[in-house]
Amino acid sequence: PGPNVLNTMATAIGSGRRAGIGSALAVGVGLGLWC
């Protein structure tokens, strides 16, 4: 549990699955940039 996980969950609950998937895609991009 952390900011990214809670944000993805909250987005999926409040804005639907498609928005949640958009949030998940951003996590992948962010990890690549950090790496």
PDB file of all heavy atoms in Angstrom:
ATOM      1  N   PRO A   1       0.822  -1.217   0.000  1.00  0.00           N
ATOM      2  CA  PRO A   1       0.000   0.000   0.000  1.00  0.00           C
ATOM      3  C   PRO A   1       0.854   1.263   0.000  1.00  0.00           C
ATOM      4  O   PRO A   1       1.819   1.370   0.738  1.00  0.00           O
ATOM      5  CB  PRO A   1      -0.797  -0.115   1.310  1.00  0.00           C
ATOM      6  CG  PRO A   1      -0.794  -1.575   1.633  1.00  0.00           C
ATOM      7  CD  PRO A   1       0.527  -2.091   1.144  1.00  0.00           C
ATOM      8  N   GLY A   2       0.510   2.192  -0.843  1.00  0.00           N
ATOM      9  CA  GLY A   2       1.261   3.449  -0.952  1.00  0.00           C
ATOM     10  C   GLY A   2       0.511   4.405  -1.862  1.00  0.00           C
ATOM     11  O   GLY A   2      -0.572   4.077  -2.368  1.00  0.00           O
ATOM     12  N   PRO A   3       1.075   5.593  -2.116  1.00  0.00           N
ATOM     13  CA  PRO A   3       0.369   6.599  -2.924  1.00  0.00           C
ATOM     14  C   PRO A   3      -0.033   6.102  -4.303  1.00  0.00           C
ATOM     15  O   PRO A   3      -1.157   6.369  -4.764  1.00  0.00           O
ATOM     16  CB  PRO A   3       1.393   7.736  -3.024  1.00  0.00           C
ATOM     17  CG  PRO A   3       2.268   7.573  -1.830  1.00  0.00           C
ATOM     18  CD  PRO A   3       2.361   6.105  -1.587  1.00  0.00           C
ATOM     19  N   ASN A   4       0.869   5.397  -4.999  1.00  0.00           N
ATOM     20  CA  ASN A   4       0.552   4.941  -6.355  1.00  0.00           C
ATOM     21  C   ASN A   4      -0.571   3.902  -6.357  1.00  0.00           C
ATOM     22  O   ASN A   4      -1.477   3.954  -7.191  1.00  0.00           O
ATOM     23  CB  ASN A   4       1.804   4.363  -7.023  1.00  0.00           C
ATOM     24  CG  ASN A   4       2.836   5.430  -7.326  1.00  0.00           C
ATOM     25  OD1 ASN A   4       2.502   6.521  -7.767  1.00  0.00           O
ATOM     26  ND2 ASN A   4       4.091   5.113  -7.090  1.00  0.00           N
ATOM     27  N   VAL A   5      -0.479   2.953  -5.434  1.00  0.00           N
ATOM     28  CA  VAL A   5      -1.502   1.907  -5.359  1.00  0.00           C
ATOM     29  C   VAL A   5      -2.861   2.512  -5.019  1.00  0.00           C
ATOM     30  O   VAL A   5      -3.877   2.212  -5.662  1.00  0.00           O
ATOM     31  CB  VAL A   5      -1.110   0.844  -4.311  1.00  0.00           C
ATOM     32  CG1 VAL A   5      -2.283  -0.088  -4.029  1.00  0.00           C
ATOM     33  CG2 VAL A   5       0.088   0.039  -4.799  1.00  0.00           C
ATOM     34  N   LEU A   6      -2.891   3.359  -4.002  1.00  0.00           N
ATOM     35  CA  LEU A   6      -4.157   3.965  -3.593  1.00  0.00           C
ATOM     36  C   LEU A   6      -4.736   4.843  -4.697  1.00  0.00           C
ATOM     37  O   LEU A   6      -5.958   4.894  -4.879  1.00  0.00           O
ATOM     38  CB  LEU A   6      -3.958   4.781  -2.318  1.00  0.00           C
ATOM     39  CG  LEU A   6      -3.584   3.972  -1.068  1.00  0.00           C
ATOM     40  CD1 LEU A   6      -3.365   4.906   0.114  1.00  0.00           C
ATOM     41  CD2 LEU A   6      -4.645   2.937  -0.740  1.00  0.00           C
ATOM     42  N   ASN A   7      -3.868   5.523  -5.440  1.00  0.00           N
ATOM     43  CA  ASN A   7      -4.360   6.360  -6.542  1.00  0.00           C
ATOM     44  C   ASN A   7      -4.980   5.511  -7.643  1.00  0.00           C
ATOM     45  O   ASN A   7      -6.051   5.850  -8.169  1.00  0.00           O
ATOM     46  CB  ASN A   7      -3.214   7.190  -7.116  1.00  0.00           C
ATOM     47  CG  ASN A   7      -3.655   8.020  -8.313  1.00  0.00           C
ATOM     48  OD1 ASN A   7      -4.467   8.926  -8.194  1.00  0.00           O
ATOM     49  ND2 ASN A   7      -3.143   7.680  -9.485  1.00  0.00           N
ATOM     50  N   THR A   8      -4.323   4.411  -8.018  1.00  0.00           N
ATOM     51  CA  THR A   8      -4.876   3.536  -9.056  1.00  0.00           C
ATOM     52  C   THR A   8      -6.217   2.961  -8.627  1.00  0.00           C
ATOM     53  O   THR A   8      -7.180   2.930  -9.407  1.00  0.00           O
ATOM     54  CB  THR A   8      -3.895   2.398  -9.375  1.00  0.00           C
ATOM     55  OG1 THR A   8      -2.698   2.950  -9.914  1.00  0.00           O
ATOM     56  CG2 THR A   8      -4.495   1.429 -10.399  1.00  0.00           C
ATOM     57  N   MET A   9      -6.293   2.518  -7.363  1.00  0.00           N
ATOM     58  CA  MET A   9      -7.547   1.958  -6.860  1.00  0.00           C
ATOM     59  C   MET A   9      -8.651   3.010  -6.833  1.00  0.00           C
ATOM     60  O   MET A   9      -9.783   2.760  -7.271  1.00  0.00           O
ATOM     61  CB  MET A   9      -7.317   1.374  -5.459  1.00  0.00           C
ATOM     62  CG  MET A   9      -6.441   0.136  -5.433  1.00  0.00           C
ATOM     63  SD  MET A   9      -5.971  -0.336  -3.752  1.00  0.00           S
ATOM     64  CE  MET A   9      -7.569  -0.575  -3.006  1.00  0.00           C
ATOM     65  N   ALA A  10      -8.322   4.201  -6.303  1.00  0.00           N
ATOM     66  CA  ALA A  10      -9.324   5.257  -6.202  1.00  0.00           C
ATOM     67  C   ALA A  10      -9.805   5.703  -7.580  1.00  0.00           C
ATOM     68  O   ALA A  10     -10.993   5.975  -7.779  1.00  0.00           O
ATOM     69  CB  ALA A  10      -8.734   6.451  -5.445  1.00  0.00           C
ATOM     70  N   THR A  11      -8.891   5.750  -8.542  1.00  0.00           N
ATOM     71  CA  THR A  11      -9.264   6.134  -9.911  1.00  0.00           C
ATOM     72  C   THR A  11     -10.193   5.100 -10.529  1.00  0.00           C
ATOM     73  O   THR A  11     -11.197   5.451 -11.174  1.00  0.00           O
ATOM     74  CB  THR A  11      -8.005   6.306 -10.776  1.00  0.00           C
ATOM     75  OG1 THR A  11      -7.169   7.327 -10.214  1.00  0.00           O
ATOM     76  CG2 THR A  11      -8.376   6.703 -12.200  1.00  0.00           C
ATOM     77  N   ALA A  12      -9.863   3.822 -10.335  1.00  0.00           N
ATOM     78  CA  ALA A  12     -10.695   2.755 -10.893  1.00  0.00           C
ATOM     79  C   ALA A  12     -12.084   2.755 -10.272  1.00  0.00           C
ATOM     80  O   ALA A  12     -13.096   2.573 -10.966  1.00  0.00           O
ATOM     81  CB  ALA A  12     -10.022   1.404 -10.680  1.00  0.00           C
ATOM     82  N   ILE A  13     -12.154   2.998  -8.965  1.00  0.00           N
ATOM     83  CA  ILE A  13     -13.450   3.006  -8.284  1.00  0.00           C
ATOM     84  C   ILE A  13     -14.284   4.213  -8.700  1.00  0.00           C
ATOM     85  O   ILE A  13     -15.481   4.104  -8.992  1.00  0.00           O
ATOM     86  CB  ILE A  13     -13.249   3.011  -6.752  1.00  0.00           C
ATOM     87  CG1 ILE A  13     -12.666   1.678  -6.287  1.00  0.00           C
ATOM     88  CG2 ILE A  13     -14.566   3.280  -6.024  1.00  0.00           C
ATOM     89  CD1 ILE A  13     -12.207   1.686  -4.844  1.00  0.00           C
ATOM     90  N   GLY A  14     -13.648   5.397  -8.734  1.00  0.00           N
ATOM     91  CA  GLY A  14     -14.395   6.622  -8.974  1.00  0.00           C
ATOM     92  C   GLY A  14     -14.636   6.956 -10.426  1.00  0.00           C
ATOM     93  O   GLY A  14     -15.652   7.566 -10.769  1.00  0.00           O
ATOM     94  N   SER A  15     -13.710   6.558 -11.309  1.00  0.00           N
ATOM     95  CA  SER A  15     -13.812   6.968 -12.718  1.00  0.00           C
ATOM     96  C   SER A  15     -13.941   5.793 -13.680  1.00  0.00           C
ATOM     97  O   SER A  15     -13.988   5.999 -14.892  1.00  0.00           O
ATOM     98  CB  SER A  15     -12.588   7.810 -13.097  1.00  0.00           C
ATOM     99  OG  SER A  15     -12.513   8.963 -12.303  1.00  0.00           O
ATOM    100  N   GLY A  16     -13.943   4.585 -13.153  1.00  0.00           N
ATOM    101  CA  GLY A  16     -14.156   3.432 -14.019  1.00  0.00           C
ATOM    102  C   GLY A  16     -12.863   2.722 -14.397  1.00  0.00           C
ATOM    103  O   GLY A  16     -11.752   3.211 -14.165  1.00  0.00           O
ATOM    104  N   ARG A  17     -13.045   1.565 -14.996  1.00  0.00           N
ATOM    105  CA  ARG A  17     -11.915   0.694 -15.315  1.00  0.00           C
ATOM    106  C   ARG A  17     -10.964   1.301 -16.335  1.00  0.00           C
ATOM    107  O   ARG A  17      -9.751   1.168 -16.229  1.00  0.00           O
ATOM    108  CB  ARG A  17     -12.451  -0.651 -15.812  1.00  0.00           C
ATOM    109  CG  ARG A  17     -11.391  -1.702 -16.040  1.00  0.00           C
ATOM    110  CD  ARG A  17     -12.019  -3.065 -16.244  1.00  0.00           C
ATOM    111  NE  ARG A  17     -12.685  -3.523 -15.025  1.00  0.00           N
ATOM    112  CZ  ARG A  17     -13.337  -4.683 -14.933  1.00  0.00           C
ATOM    113  NH1 ARG A  17     -13.427  -5.468 -15.990  1.00  0.00           N
ATOM    114  NH2 ARG A  17     -13.906  -5.046 -13.793  1.00  0.00           N
ATOM    115  N   ARG A  18     -11.508   1.993 -17.345  1.00  0.00           N
ATOM    116  CA  ARG A  18     -10.641   2.569 -18.375  1.00  0.00           C
ATOM    117  C   ARG A  18      -9.697   3.612 -17.776  1.00  0.00           C
ATOM    118  O   ARG A  18      -8.506   3.642 -18.100  1.00  0.00           O
ATOM    119  CB  ARG A  18     -11.490   3.194 -19.485  1.00  0.00           C
ATOM    120  CG  ARG A  18     -12.173   2.173 -20.397  1.00  0.00           C
ATOM    121  CD  ARG A  18     -13.140   2.866 -21.365  1.00  0.00           C
ATOM    122  NE  ARG A  18     -12.463   3.851 -22.200  1.00  0.00           N
ATOM    123  CZ  ARG A  18     -11.833   3.569 -23.338  1.00  0.00           C
ATOM    124  NH1 ARG A  18     -11.795   2.316 -23.775  1.00  0.00           N
ATOM    125  NH2 ARG A  18     -11.260   4.512 -24.040  1.00  0.00           N
ATOM    126  N   ALA A  19     -10.221   4.477 -16.913  1.00  0.00           N
ATOM    127  CA  ALA A  19      -9.370   5.473 -16.261  1.00  0.00           C
ATOM    128  C   ALA A  19      -8.344   4.788 -15.360  1.00  0.00           C
ATOM    129  O   ALA A  19      -7.189   5.210 -15.271  1.00  0.00           O
ATOM    130  CB  ALA A  19     -10.213   6.445 -15.443  1.00  0.00           C
ATOM    131  N   GLY A  20      -8.755   3.699 -14.693  1.00  0.00           N
ATOM    132  CA  GLY A  20      -7.827   2.940 -13.862  1.00  0.00           C
ATOM    133  C   GLY A  20      -6.695   2.348 -14.680  1.00  0.00           C
ATOM    134  O   GLY A  20      -5.530   2.335 -14.244  1.00  0.00           O
ATOM    135  N   ILE A  21      -7.018   1.879 -15.880  1.00  0.00           N
ATOM    136  CA  ILE A  21      -5.984   1.340 -16.768  1.00  0.00           C
ATOM    137  C   ILE A  21      -5.048   2.457 -17.220  1.00  0.00           C
ATOM    138  O   ILE A  21      -3.832   2.259 -17.330  1.00  0.00           O
ATOM    139  CB  ILE A  21      -6.644   0.636 -17.969  1.00  0.00           C
ATOM    140  CG1 ILE A  21      -7.340  -0.644 -17.497  1.00  0.00           C
ATOM    141  CG2 ILE A  21      -5.611   0.311 -19.052  1.00  0.00           C
ATOM    142  CD1 ILE A  21      -8.165  -1.340 -18.568  1.00  0.00           C
ATOM    143  N   GLY A  22      -5.595   3.641 -17.476  1.00  0.00           N
ATOM    144  CA  GLY A  22      -4.738   4.787 -17.812  1.00  0.00           C
ATOM    145  C   GLY A  22      -3.770   5.106 -16.687  1.00  0.00           C
ATOM    146  O   GLY A  22      -2.590   5.407 -16.923  1.00  0.00           O
ATOM    147  N   SER A  23      -4.250   5.009 -15.461  1.00  0.00           N
ATOM    148  CA  SER A  23      -3.391   5.223 -14.298  1.00  0.00           C
ATOM    149  C   SER A  23      -2.296   4.165 -14.231  1.00  0.00           C
ATOM    150  O   SER A  23      -1.130   4.473 -13.936  1.00  0.00           O
ATOM    151  CB  SER A  23      -4.235   5.189 -13.017  1.00  0.00           C
ATOM    152  OG  SER A  23      -3.438   5.358 -11.870  1.00  0.00           O
ATOM    153  N   ALA A  24      -2.646   2.918 -14.507  1.00  0.00           N
ATOM    154  CA  ALA A  24      -1.662   1.828 -14.486  1.00  0.00           C
ATOM    155  C   ALA A  24      -0.591   2.014 -15.550  1.00  0.00           C
ATOM    156  O   ALA A  24       0.601   1.764 -15.304  1.00  0.00           O
ATOM    157  CB  ALA A  24      -2.374   0.488 -14.687  1.00  0.00           C
ATOM    158  N   LEU A  25      -0.993   2.462 -16.736  1.00  0.00           N
ATOM    159  CA  LEU A  25      -0.024   2.720 -17.808  1.00  0.00           C
ATOM    160  C   LEU A  25       0.991   3.781 -17.383  1.00  0.00           C
ATOM    161  O   LEU A  25       2.188   3.675 -17.673  1.00  0.00           O
ATOM    162  CB  LEU A  25      -0.746   3.154 -19.081  1.00  0.00           C
ATOM    163  CG  LEU A  25      -1.567   2.081 -19.793  1.00  0.00           C
ATOM    164  CD1 LEU A  25      -2.396   2.706 -20.918  1.00  0.00           C
ATOM    165  CD2 LEU A  25      -0.657   0.998 -20.358  1.00  0.00           C
ATOM    166  N   ALA A  26       0.516   4.801 -16.678  1.00  0.00           N
ATOM    167  CA  ALA A  26       1.411   5.858 -16.222  1.00  0.00           C
ATOM    168  C   ALA A  26       2.422   5.344 -15.205  1.00  0.00           C
ATOM    169  O   ALA A  26       3.569   5.800 -15.180  1.00  0.00           O
ATOM    170  CB  ALA A  26       0.598   7.005 -15.624  1.00  0.00           C
ATOM    171  N   VAL A  27       2.006   4.401 -14.377  1.00  0.00           N
ATOM    172  CA  VAL A  27       2.939   3.810 -13.407  1.00  0.00           C
ATOM    173  C   VAL A  27       4.076   3.104 -14.138  1.00  0.00           C
ATOM    174  O   VAL A  27       5.256   3.239 -13.781  1.00  0.00           O
ATOM    175  CB  VAL A  27       2.215   2.830 -12.465  1.00  0.00           C
ATOM    176  CG1 VAL A  27       3.224   2.063 -11.605  1.00  0.00           C
ATOM    177  CG2 VAL A  27       1.236   3.575 -11.566  1.00  0.00           C
ATOM    178  N   GLY A  28       3.740   2.353 -15.189  1.00  0.00           N
ATOM    179  CA  GLY A  28       4.769   1.686 -15.974  1.00  0.00           C
ATOM    180  C   GLY A  28       5.741   2.671 -16.603  1.00  0.00           C
ATOM    181  O   GLY A  28       6.961   2.484 -16.539  1.00  0.00           O
ATOM    182  N   VAL A  29       5.214   3.748 -17.180  1.00  0.00           N
ATOM    183  CA  VAL A  29       6.076   4.773 -17.785  1.00  0.00           C
ATOM    184  C   VAL A  29       6.953   5.430 -16.725  1.00  0.00           C
ATOM    185  O   VAL A  29       8.161   5.644 -16.925  1.00  0.00           O
ATOM    186  CB  VAL A  29       5.222   5.834 -18.504  1.00  0.00           C
ATOM    187  CG1 VAL A  29       6.089   7.002 -18.972  1.00  0.00           C
ATOM    188  CG2 VAL A  29       4.492   5.215 -19.694  1.00  0.00           C
ATOM    189  N   GLY A  30       6.367   5.747 -15.577  1.00  0.00           N
ATOM    190  CA  GLY A  30       7.120   6.378 -14.504  1.00  0.00           C
ATOM    191  C   GLY A  30       8.252   5.505 -14.001  1.00  0.00           C
ATOM    192  O   GLY A  30       9.365   5.991 -13.743  1.00  0.00           O
ATOM    193  N   LEU A  31       8.002   4.215 -13.880  1.00  0.00           N
ATOM    194  CA  LEU A  31       9.049   3.288 -13.444  1.00  0.00           C
ATOM    195  C   LEU A  31      10.190   3.249 -14.450  1.00  0.00           C
ATOM    196  O   LEU A  31      11.364   3.194 -14.073  1.00  0.00           O
ATOM    197  CB  LEU A  31       8.470   1.886 -13.257  1.00  0.00           C
ATOM    198  CG  LEU A  31       7.677   1.667 -11.976  1.00  0.00           C
ATOM    199  CD1 LEU A  31       6.918   0.348 -12.032  1.00  0.00           C
ATOM    200  CD2 LEU A  31       8.616   1.676 -10.766  1.00  0.00           C
ATOM    201  N   GLY A  32       9.850   3.272 -15.738  1.00  0.00           N
ATOM    202  CA  GLY A  32      10.893   3.282 -16.756  1.00  0.00           C
ATOM    203  C   GLY A  32      11.751   4.533 -16.677  1.00  0.00           C
ATOM    204  O   GLY A  32      12.981   4.467 -16.791  1.00  0.00           O
ATOM    205  N   LEU A  33      11.106   5.687 -16.446  1.00  0.00           N
ATOM    206  CA  LEU A  33      11.842   6.942 -16.332  1.00  0.00           C
ATOM    207  C   LEU A  33      12.760   6.939 -15.105  1.00  0.00           C
ATOM    208  O   LEU A  33      13.930   7.342 -15.183  1.00  0.00           O
ATOM    209  CB  LEU A  33      10.865   8.114 -16.242  1.00  0.00           C
ATOM    210  CG  LEU A  33      10.029   8.402 -17.499  1.00  0.00           C
ATOM    211  CD1 LEU A  33       9.009   9.506 -17.222  1.00  0.00           C
ATOM    212  CD2 LEU A  33      10.938   8.801 -18.663  1.00  0.00           C
ATOM    213  N   TRP A  34      12.241   6.462 -13.976  1.00  0.00           N
ATOM    214  CA  TRP A  34      13.055   6.385 -12.760  1.00  0.00           C
ATOM    215  C   TRP A  34      14.237   5.450 -12.965  1.00  0.00           C
ATOM    216  O   TRP A  34      15.369   5.752 -12.560  1.00  0.00           O
ATOM    217  CB  TRP A  34      12.203   5.898 -11.583  1.00  0.00           C
ATOM    218  CG  TRP A  34      11.540   6.991 -10.816  1.00  0.00           C
ATOM    219  CD1 TRP A  34      10.211   7.292 -10.790  1.00  0.00           C
ATOM    220  CD2 TRP A  34      12.162   7.932  -9.935  1.00  0.00           C
ATOM    221  NE1 TRP A  34       9.970   8.367  -9.967  1.00  0.00           N
ATOM    222  CE2 TRP A  34      11.151   8.777  -9.419  1.00  0.00           C
ATOM    223  CE3 TRP A  34      13.480   8.154  -9.538  1.00  0.00           C
ATOM    224  CZ2 TRP A  34      11.415   9.813  -8.529  1.00  0.00           C
ATOM    225  CZ3 TRP A  34      13.750   9.187  -8.640  1.00  0.00           C
ATOM    226  CH2 TRP A  34      12.736  10.006  -8.141  1.00  0.00           C
ATOM    227  N   CYS A  35      13.988   4.304 -13.591  1.00  0.00           N
ATOM    228  CA  CYS A  35      15.044   3.315 -13.789  1.00  0.00           C
ATOM    229  C   CYS A  35      16.165   3.872 -14.655  1.00  0.00           C
ATOM    230  O   CYS A  35      17.346   3.800 -14.288  1.00  0.00           O
ATOM    231  CB  CYS A  35      14.473   2.045 -14.414  1.00  0.00           C
ATOM    232  SG  CYS A  35      15.719   0.751 -14.674  1.00  0.00           S
TER     233      CYS A  35
END
